[in-house]
Amino acid sequence: MVQLIDQSNLFPGSQAEPRRRSLLFPVVVTALILFLFTLQFVPNLAYQLNYSFANALGLQPMAFTGPAGAPGNAGIAGADGLPGSLGPAGPAGPAGLNGADGSDGADGADGADGADGADGADGSDGADGAGGLDNGAGVVSLGACDASVEIRMTSRIDIDSRIFYVDSVILSDIADACHGQSLSIWIYGAADTELAEARGLTIPDAATMTIGSEKFTPSAIVAADPTSVNEEAATLVLTIE
């Protein structure tokens, strides 16, 4: 009686259960293979699942090391750093060569005129027969332009009267400052009497100046008279006008 009862009659559809189970296993295996295959291309998902299962089961996460990725692009250059501190001062260099000498400075101003010198001694008489006689020499001042001009007077003799006449007055060592100045000369006798004069003479651009007797008025000036008839020339006075 019991054997005659079919299980399919008691439980309709119970015959398909073993078949369903046989189909489910391949599906699960296939899904698992696809899942593991996918994890090879998604390392981050594999890591997250590994980490979640390990935490849930209290195990150490399994190390999943995927293939090395391709090198990334170079990053943007960083900003320049701050300037470094100053280094120590270097040693002093060798001394340079001496410079060239400068040009000479301008001449200084002329000093003040010195004091007048003492009168020179009278010269000695000249020798007879030469037709003349040097009455002496001395040093005189020509005012501000020259304080020490040498002066001497020469004479000529008249044989018939044996009287010496002034032949010329010679100035020497004349300063350049006197050149071109107007000069006047007076000749005085032994008794301070004016014997002759020459006015308005121009001093030449030379250190020496000769004034002949023809420049004086009168031109016949007694320089020495042995007969003591005429007054003799004794003093010369020079003035810059």
Foldseek 3Di string as FASTA:
>chain_A
DVVVDDVCVVPPPPVCVVVVVVVVVVVVVVVVVVVVVVCLVVVVVVQVVQVVVCVVVVHDRDDDDHDDDDDDDDDDDDDDDDDDDDDDDDDDDDDDDDDDDDDDDDDDDDDADDDADDWDDADDWDDPPPQKTKGGKTFQQAPRQGRTKIKTWMWGADVVQRFIWTFKIKIAQGHQSQAQFWKKKWWAFPVRHTQKIAGGDGHHNHRMDIGGLVRIVVSGATQGHPVPPDTHTDDMDMYTD
